[in-house]
């Protein structure tokens, strides 16, 4: 199920560290059906997995693109 959810990075320990929680404090899934499809807990941030990292990087990439936009039409001749 981790491949189907594109969860390529183990993020549970990272989220616990960033939120200041212990692994034991994370509540379990509501029932076995939720756990079978990949929802390990009732907390949204933990269920996002690596998509949470990608979503949090989007504003940084947007600012980076805005900073580089003035240089888009520059003609630069480079000799090798």
Protein backbone atom coordinates (compact mmCIF):
# COMPACT_ATOMS: atom_id res chain seq x y z
CA UNK A 1 0.00 0.00 0.00
CA UNK A 2 2.97 2.35 0.57
CA UNK A 3 3.87 2.13 -3.13
CA UNK A 4 0.32 2.91 -4.21
CA UNK A 5 0.23 5.90 -1.86
CA UNK A 6 3.65 7.12 -3.15
CA UNK A 7 4.95 6.98 0.41
CA UNK A 8 8.63 6.54 -0.40
CA UNK A 9 10.12 8.11 2.75
CA UNK A 10 9.51 6.90 6.30
CA UNK A 11 8.20 10.03 8.01
CA UNK A 12 6.67 8.91 11.29
CA UNK A 13 9.82 9.52 13.35
CA UNK A 14 10.37 12.89 11.65
CA UNK A 15 6.82 14.06 12.37
CA UNK A 16 7.12 12.94 16.00
CA UNK A 17 10.37 14.88 16.34
CA UNK A 18 8.95 18.05 14.73
CA UNK A 19 5.76 17.93 16.81
CA UNK A 20 7.58 16.99 20.02
CA UNK A 21 5.73 13.71 20.55
CA UNK A 22 6.71 10.20 21.54
CA UNK A 23 5.91 7.23 19.30
CA UNK A 24 3.62 5.88 22.05
CA UNK A 25 1.46 9.04 22.06
CA UNK A 26 0.22 8.51 18.49
CA UNK A 27 -3.32 7.09 18.53
CA UNK A 28 -4.02 3.98 16.49
CA UNK A 29 -6.30 3.75 13.45
CA UNK A 30 -10.06 3.68 13.99
CA UNK A 31 -10.37 0.03 12.96
CA UNK A 32 -8.62 -2.70 10.96
CA UNK A 33 -10.12 -1.58 7.65
CA UNK A 34 -8.49 1.84 7.92
CA UNK A 35 -5.19 0.24 8.89
CA UNK A 36 -5.41 -2.15 5.92
CA UNK A 37 -5.54 0.73 3.42
CA UNK A 38 -2.65 2.61 5.01
CA UNK A 39 -4.25 4.93 7.59
CA UNK A 40 -2.11 4.01 10.60
CA UNK A 41 -3.44 6.72 12.89
CA UNK A 42 -6.30 9.18 13.20
CA UNK A 43 -3.95 12.16 12.83
CA UNK A 44 -3.94 13.72 9.38
CA UNK A 45 -0.27 14.76 9.34
CA UNK A 46 0.94 11.22 9.98
CA UNK A 47 -1.34 9.80 7.30
CA UNK A 48 0.08 12.20 4.71
CA UNK A 49 3.45 10.51 4.81
CA UNK A 50 5.93 11.85 2.28
CA UNK A 51 3.24 13.93 0.59
CA UNK A 52 3.40 16.21 3.64
CA UNK A 53 7.03 16.96 2.85
CA UNK A 54 6.22 17.72 -0.78
CA UNK A 55 3.30 19.97 0.17
CA UNK A 56 5.44 21.87 2.68
CA UNK A 57 8.18 22.44 0.07
CA UNK A 58 5.81 24.02 -2.45
CA UNK A 59 5.89 27.57 -0.93
CA UNK A 60 9.70 27.48 -0.91
CA UNK A 61 9.78 26.47 -4.56
CA UNK A 62 7.24 29.19 -5.42
CA UNK A 63 9.40 31.88 -3.81
CA UNK A 64 12.47 30.51 -5.59
CA UNK A 65 10.64 30.69 -8.92
CA UNK A 66 9.55 34.29 -8.24
CA UNK A 67 13.14 35.26 -7.49
CA UNK A 68 14.39 33.71 -10.74
CA UNK A 69 11.60 35.02 -12.97
CA UNK A 70 13.39 38.30 -13.90
CA UNK A 71 16.27 36.28 -15.35
CA UNK A 72 14.04 34.18 -17.60
CA UNK A 73 14.52 36.24 -20.79
CA UNK A 74 18.21 36.98 -20.34
CA UNK A 75 20.44 36.00 -23.27
CA UNK A 76 23.72 34.65 -22.01
CA UNK A 77 26.47 33.46 -24.33
CA UNK A 78 28.69 30.87 -22.77
CA UNK A 79 31.86 29.61 -24.47
CA UNK A 80 33.11 26.21 -23.45
